[in-house]
């Protein structure tokens, strides 16, 4: 065997190791399918998965044991359920179509109220389930669901496509296609922080202790900001990436990011370092997939977490 041929075989071997070995990641603890045809939207909580199906229904599933609890539809429209959320107390849920939003009680599945709103892009539910932050075409409104009244309107110049409410009830986060993320004080509706970004916003999250806000703009680096003074805490990840979802751990030490390229990454909030990554399941192992990660929820004292992707796969992972 010639030296050149040996070198060629060694080069090929190392190339294969780099291609396949560098992308090795831990396997999920469990994988289940909640929607074989895929999803428009999804939100995970400690006990539930709320999904917006392509068929125009919202479905609420229990995670342990897995089971369909409620199937909801609040209009006769064939449009998909574009946005959903579950209150942190797990007593209420909201579902949104393009021009309407519905408020549901989880215990018995009763529809409590429906409102017509123009051009809905995103929705977040308060910790107690009594208020909704709804992203519209040029603002976000903080809506009292019990009274059916808008308490505040948070201005943007383009659609508000990403929203978050703090568990404490003190802050609202709005991210817009106008390339900005804003932090609002819910006690009086005042603007607390304003962060200009390079592109239209794709995802936002606020930590449970209200210390940090995470943001990502399309094809841009993910940033972690200090909520108290607005200063940049850390840049994390590649400079040209799009994040479809993100969530801080309950203890605020970690940040999970889900990419549109079917990858989950775990970051240290303190150092900004990548700690681990995972590859969620594809519909076909042999076919390229870009199923976006739609939502996360931590469990087991932040040692495990659930993820759900646009292809309908719900998976449980060990951190």
Protein backbone atom coordinates (compact mmCIF):
# COMPACT_ATOMS: atom_id res chain seq x y z
CA UNK A 1 0.00 0.00 0.00
CA UNK A 2 1.51 3.32 -1.07
CA UNK A 3 2.18 6.14 1.40
CA UNK A 4 -0.12 8.45 -0.56
CA UNK A 5 -2.99 5.94 -0.33
CA UNK A 6 -2.42 5.51 3.41
CA UNK A 7 -2.49 9.27 3.91
CA UNK A 8 -5.67 9.50 1.85
CA UNK A 9 -7.36 6.84 4.04
CA UNK A 10 -6.26 8.63 7.23
CA UNK A 11 -7.58 11.93 5.90
CA UNK A 12 -10.90 10.29 4.99
CA UNK A 13 -11.16 8.70 8.44
CA UNK A 14 -10.56 11.98 10.24
CA UNK A 15 -13.02 13.72 7.93
CA UNK A 16 -15.73 11.21 8.82
CA UNK A 17 -14.95 11.55 12.53
CA UNK A 18 -15.22 15.34 12.24
CA UNK A 19 -18.48 15.20 10.29
CA UNK A 20 -20.25 12.63 12.44
CA UNK A 21 -18.36 12.67 15.72
CA UNK A 22 -18.51 16.42 16.30
CA UNK A 23 -22.29 16.31 16.20
CA UNK A 24 -22.73 13.50 18.71
CA UNK A 25 -25.15 14.39 21.49
CA UNK A 26 -27.01 12.62 24.29
CA UNK A 27 -30.13 10.67 23.43
CA UNK A 28 -33.52 11.74 24.80
CA UNK A 29 -35.03 10.00 27.80
CA UNK A 30 -38.35 9.76 26.00
CA UNK A 31 -39.88 10.71 22.64
CA UNK A 32 -43.58 10.96 21.82
CA UNK A 33 -45.57 12.36 18.91
CA UNK A 34 -48.33 14.85 19.72
CA UNK A 35 -49.19 15.90 16.15
CA UNK A 36 -48.17 13.82 13.15
CA UNK A 37 -48.88 16.64 10.69
CA UNK A 38 -46.84 19.24 12.57
CA UNK A 39 -47.61 22.35 14.61
CA UNK A 40 -48.13 26.07 14.24
CA UNK A 41 -47.40 26.78 17.89
CA UNK A 42 -46.73 25.15 21.26
CA UNK A 43 -46.11 25.96 24.91
CA UNK A 44 -44.81 23.67 27.63
CA UNK A 45 -45.35 24.02 31.37
CA UNK A 46 -44.43 21.75 34.28
CA UNK A 47 -47.43 19.46 33.71
CA UNK A 48 -48.83 20.27 30.28
CA UNK A 49 -48.16 20.70 26.59
CA UNK A 50 -50.48 23.11 24.77
CA UNK A 51 -50.22 22.83 20.99
CA UNK A 52 -51.73 24.66 18.03
CA UNK A 53 -52.30 22.16 15.24
CA UNK A 54 -52.38 22.71 11.49
CA UNK A 55 -56.01 21.56 11.50
CA UNK A 56 -57.10 24.66 13.44
CA UNK A 57 -57.50 23.07 16.89
CA UNK A 58 -55.63 23.63 20.13
CA UNK A 59 -54.91 20.54 22.20
CA UNK A 60 -53.90 20.39 25.85
CA UNK A 61 -51.90 17.29 26.80
CA UNK A 62 -50.75 16.06 30.19
CA UNK A 63 -47.07 15.18 30.23
CA UNK A 64 -47.13 12.41 32.89
CA UNK A 65 -48.86 10.23 31.97
CA UNK A 66 -49.23 11.44 28.41
CA UNK A 67 -52.87 12.03 27.59
CA UNK A 68 -55.12 14.41 25.68
CA UNK A 69 -57.02 16.47 28.26
CA UNK A 70 -58.84 19.07 26.14
CA UNK A 71 -59.38 19.85 22.45
CA UNK A 72 -60.33 23.49 21.88
CA UNK A 73 -61.56 25.60 18.98
CA UNK A 74 -63.07 29.03 19.57
CA UNK A 75 -64.07 30.09 16.03
CA UNK A 76 -65.32 28.42 12.84
CA UNK A 77 -62.23 29.57 10.97
CA UNK A 78 -59.91 27.03 9.35
CA UNK A 79 -56.91 29.19 10.25
CA UNK A 80 -54.31 27.60 12.47
CA UNK A 81 -53.78 28.44 16.14
CA UNK A 82 -50.86 30.81 15.75
CA UNK A 83 -49.97 31.42 19.40
CA UNK A 84 -50.66 29.71 22.74
CA UNK A 85 -49.61 30.01 26.37
CA UNK A 86 -50.20 28.43 29.79
CA UNK A 87 -50.21 30.35 33.07
CA UNK A 88 -47.40 29.43 35.44
CA UNK A 89 -49.99 28.41 38.05
CA UNK A 90 -51.35 26.01 35.40
CA UNK A 91 -54.96 27.07 36.00
CA UNK A 92 -55.56 28.97 32.74
CA UNK A 93 -54.54 28.95 29.08
CA UNK A 94 -54.88 31.22 26.06
CA UNK A 95 -55.08 30.38 22.38
CA UNK A 96 -54.89 32.86 19.53
CA UNK A 97 -55.86 32.75 15.88
CA UNK A 98 -54.96 35.59 13.52
CA UNK A 99 -57.79 37.88 14.63
CA UNK A 100 -59.07 36.47 17.92
CA UNK A 101 -57.90 35.28 21.32
CA UNK A 102 -59.61 32.86 23.72
CA UNK A 103 -59.23 32.37 27.48
CA UNK A 104 -59.70 28.85 28.88
CA UNK A 105 -59.90 27.24 32.33
CA UNK A 106 -57.73 24.15 32.48
CA UNK A 107 -59.52 22.20 35.23
CA UNK A 108 -62.71 21.65 33.20
CA UNK A 109 -61.78 23.03 29.77
CA UNK A 110 -64.44 25.77 29.90
CA UNK A 111 -64.14 28.69 27.47
CA UNK A 112 -64.23 31.82 29.64
CA UNK A 113 -64.05 34.61 27.05
CA UNK A 114 -63.20 35.42 23.43
CA UNK A 115 -61.97 38.77 22.07
CA UNK A 116 -61.58 40.00 18.50
CA UNK A 117 -58.20 41.65 17.94
CA UNK A 118 -56.63 42.54 14.59
CA UNK A 119 -53.50 40.80 13.33
CA UNK A 120 -52.24 38.85 16.36
CA UNK A 121 -48.60 37.72 16.24
CA UNK A 122 -47.77 36.51 19.74
CA UNK A 123 -49.29 36.03 23.19
CA UNK A 124 -48.04 35.50 26.77
CA UNK A 125 -50.08 34.79 29.88
CA UNK A 126 -49.40 36.16 33.35
CA UNK A 127 -48.39 33.95 36.26
CA UNK A 128 -51.93 33.96 37.69
CA UNK A 129 -53.59 33.66 34.27
CA UNK A 130 -55.56 36.90 34.64
CA UNK A 131 -53.68 39.03 32.10
CA UNK A 132 -52.42 38.47 28.55
CA UNK A 133 -49.67 40.29 26.69
CA UNK A 134 -50.75 40.25 23.04
CA UNK A 135 -48.42 41.22 20.19
CA UNK A 136 -50.20 43.10 17.40
CA UNK A 137 -49.15 44.81 14.16
CA UNK A 138 -47.74 47.99 15.74
CA UNK A 139 -47.89 47.45 19.51
CA UNK A 140 -48.48 44.98 22.29
CA UNK A 141 -51.42 45.31 24.65
CA UNK A 142 -51.60 44.20 28.27
CA UNK A 143 -55.14 42.87 28.48
CA UNK A 144 -57.14 42.18 31.64
CA UNK A 145 -58.88 38.93 30.73
CA UNK A 146 -61.40 39.08 33.54
CA UNK A 147 -62.52 42.62 32.68
CA UNK A 148 -61.90 42.50 28.95
CA UNK A 149 -60.04 45.84 29.13
CA UNK A 150 -56.66 46.96 27.84
CA UNK A 151 -54.58 48.15 30.77
CA UNK A 152 -51.55 49.30 28.76
CA UNK A 153 -50.49 49.61 25.13
CA UNK A 154 -46.77 49.19 24.47
CA UNK A 155 -45.78 50.93 21.24
CA UNK A 156 -43.65 49.59 18.40
CA UNK A 157 -43.49 50.59 14.73
CA UNK A 158 -43.73 47.03 13.35
CA UNK A 159 -45.42 43.75 14.41
CA UNK A 160 -44.62 42.46 17.91
CA UNK A 161 -43.63 38.87 17.24
CA UNK A 162 -42.15 37.84 20.61
CA UNK A 163 -43.48 38.49 24.11
CA UNK A 164 -42.76 37.45 27.70
CA UNK A 165 -44.16 38.24 31.15
CA UNK A 166 -42.16 37.93 34.36
CA UNK A 167 -43.33 35.46 36.98
CA UNK A 168 -43.17 38.26 39.55
CA UNK A 169 -45.76 40.25 37.58
CA UNK A 170 -43.46 43.27 37.47
CA UNK A 171 -42.28 43.30 33.86
CA UNK A 172 -43.34 42.71 30.25
CA UNK A 173 -40.93 42.09 27.38
CA UNK A 174 -41.84 42.89 23.77
CA UNK A 175 -39.79 42.04 20.69
CA UNK A 176 -40.65 43.45 17.28
CA UNK A 177 -39.85 43.35 13.60
CA UNK A 178 -38.75 46.98 14.09
CA UNK A 179 -35.42 45.51 15.33
CA UNK A 180 -35.99 46.33 19.00
CA UNK A 181 -36.77 44.68 22.33
CA UNK A 182 -38.37 46.71 25.11
CA UNK A 183 -38.77 46.05 28.83
CA UNK A 184 -41.89 47.58 30.38
CA UNK A 185 -42.85 48.16 34.00
CA UNK A 186 -46.30 46.74 34.69
CA UNK A 187 -46.99 48.88 37.75
CA UNK A 188 -47.43 51.98 35.59
CA UNK A 189 -46.77 50.92 31.96
CA UNK A 190 -43.53 52.88 31.70
CA UNK A 191 -40.62 51.92 29.46
CA UNK A 192 -37.81 50.52 31.60
CA UNK A 193 -35.23 49.46 28.96
CA UNK A 194 -34.90 49.65 25.17
CA UNK A 195 -32.47 47.42 23.27
CA UNK A 196 -31.94 48.11 19.51
CA UNK A 197 -30.90 44.96 17.61
CA UNK A 198 -29.47 44.26 14.17
CA UNK A 199 -32.51 42.52 12.66
CA UNK A 200 -36.12 41.68 13.39
CA UNK A 201 -36.55 39.90 16.72
CA UNK A 202 -37.08 36.14 16.75
CA UNK A 203 -37.22 35.22 20.48
CA UNK A 204 -37.17 36.75 23.98
CA UNK A 205 -37.17 35.44 27.56
CA UNK A 206 -36.96 36.87 31.08
CA UNK A 207 -35.44 35.00 34.03
CA UNK A 208 -37.64 34.04 37.00
CA UNK A 209 -35.65 36.34 39.30
CA UNK A 210 -36.12 39.31 36.89
CA UNK A 211 -32.33 39.79 36.65
CA UNK A 212 -31.83 38.98 32.96
CA UNK A 213 -33.55 39.31 29.60
CA UNK A 214 -32.38 37.13 26.69
CA UNK A 215 -32.91 38.26 23.10
CA UNK A 216 -32.21 37.01 19.61
CA UNK A 217 -32.70 38.76 16.29
CA UNK A 218 -32.77 36.80 13.03
CA UNK A 219 -29.28 35.80 11.88
CA UNK A 220 -27.72 37.53 14.88
CA UNK A 221 -25.94 36.65 18.10
CA UNK A 222 -28.02 35.85 21.17
CA UNK A 223 -27.61 38.44 23.92
CA UNK A 224 -28.25 38.36 27.66
CA UNK A 225 -29.02 41.77 29.17
CA UNK A 226 -29.19 43.02 32.74
CA UNK A 227 -32.76 44.11 33.38
CA UNK A 228 -31.81 46.52 36.17
CA UNK A 229 -29.57 48.83 34.14
CA UNK A 230 -29.99 47.65 30.54
CA UNK A 231 -26.31 46.79 30.12
CA UNK A 232 -25.15 43.82 28.08
CA UNK A 233 -24.23 40.86 30.31
CA UNK A 234 -23.09 38.31 27.70
CA UNK A 235 -23.04 37.60 23.98
CA UNK A 236 -23.56 33.88 23.43
CA UNK A 237 -23.34 31.59 20.43
CA UNK A 238 -22.45 32.22 16.79
CA UNK A 239 -22.85 35.69 15.32
CA UNK A 240 -25.27 34.62 12.59
CA UNK A 241 -27.96 32.34 14.04
CA UNK A 242 -31.74 32.42 14.41
CA UNK A 243 -33.27 31.21 17.67
CA UNK A 244 -36.90 30.05 17.58
CA UNK A 245 -37.37 29.70 21.37
CA UNK A 246 -35.49 30.25 24.62
CA UNK A 247 -36.06 29.69 28.31
CA UNK A 248 -34.15 30.35 31.53
CA UNK A 249 -33.94 27.57 34.11
CA UNK A 250 -35.98 28.03 37.27
CA UNK A 251 -32.86 28.86 39.27
CA UNK A 252 -31.65 31.36 36.65
CA UNK A 253 -28.29 29.65 36.13
CA UNK A 254 -28.94 28.26 32.64
CA UNK A 255 -30.47 29.32 29.35
CA UNK A 256 -31.86 26.88 26.80
CA UNK A 257 -32.03 28.02 23.19
CA UNK A 258 -33.82 26.20 20.39
CA UNK A 259 -32.72 26.82 16.83
CA UNK A 260 -34.66 26.73 13.59
CA UNK A 261 -32.05 24.22 12.42
CA UNK A 262 -33.24 21.47 14.83
CA UNK A 263 -30.71 21.92 17.60
CA UNK A 264 -31.00 22.62 21.34
CA UNK A 265 -28.20 24.36 23.23
CA UNK A 266 -27.61 24.86 26.97
CA UNK A 267 -25.68 27.94 28.10
CA UNK A 268 -24.23 29.12 31.39
CA UNK A 269 -25.82 32.47 32.20
CA UNK A 270 -22.87 33.49 34.37
CA UNK A 271 -20.08 32.73 31.91
CA UNK A 272 -21.93 32.66 28.59
CA UNK A 273 -20.31 29.32 27.75
CA UNK A 274 -21.96 26.52 25.78
CA UNK A 275 -22.36 23.60 28.19
CA UNK A 276 -24.13 21.02 26.06
CA UNK A 277 -26.22 20.50 22.94
CA UNK A 278 -28.79 18.02 21.66
CA UNK A 279 -30.28 17.02 18.30
CA UNK A 280 -34.07 16.46 18.47
CA UNK A 281 -35.73 13.75 16.42
CA UNK A 282 -36.36 14.19 12.70
CA UNK A 283 -39.43 12.86 10.91
CA UNK A 284 -37.16 10.83 8.62
CA UNK A 285 -33.61 10.07 9.73
CA UNK A 286 -32.32 10.24 6.16
CA UNK A 287 -34.03 13.53 5.23
CA UNK A 288 -32.72 17.03 6.12
CA UNK A 289 -34.99 18.75 8.62
CA UNK A 290 -35.46 22.33 9.80
CA UNK A 291 -38.19 21.69 12.37
CA UNK A 292 -37.95 24.67 14.72
CA UNK A 293 -37.90 24.16 18.48
CA UNK A 294 -41.07 25.85 19.76
CA UNK A 295 -40.91 25.60 23.55
CA UNK A 296 -39.12 24.23 26.63
CA UNK A 297 -39.95 23.45 30.24
CA UNK A 298 -37.54 22.47 33.00
CA UNK A 299 -38.38 19.68 35.44
CA UNK A 300 -36.70 17.64 38.17
CA UNK A 301 -35.12 20.67 39.89
CA UNK A 302 -33.65 21.89 36.59
CA UNK A 303 -31.89 18.54 36.00
CA UNK A 304 -34.19 17.56 33.11
CA UNK A 305 -36.26 19.39 30.53
CA UNK A 306 -38.89 18.89 27.83
CA UNK A 307 -38.73 20.24 24.31
CA UNK A 308 -41.31 20.34 21.55
CA UNK A 309 -40.64 21.00 17.88
CA UNK A 310 -42.70 22.12 14.90
CA UNK A 311 -42.72 18.55 13.58
CA UNK A 312 -44.90 17.55 16.55
CA UNK A 313 -42.27 15.61 18.52
CA UNK A 314 -42.24 16.04 22.30
CA UNK A 315 -38.98 14.89 23.91
CA UNK A 316 -37.60 14.68 27.44
CA UNK A 317 -33.88 15.20 28.04
CA UNK A 318 -31.37 14.92 30.85
CA UNK A 319 -29.35 18.12 31.33
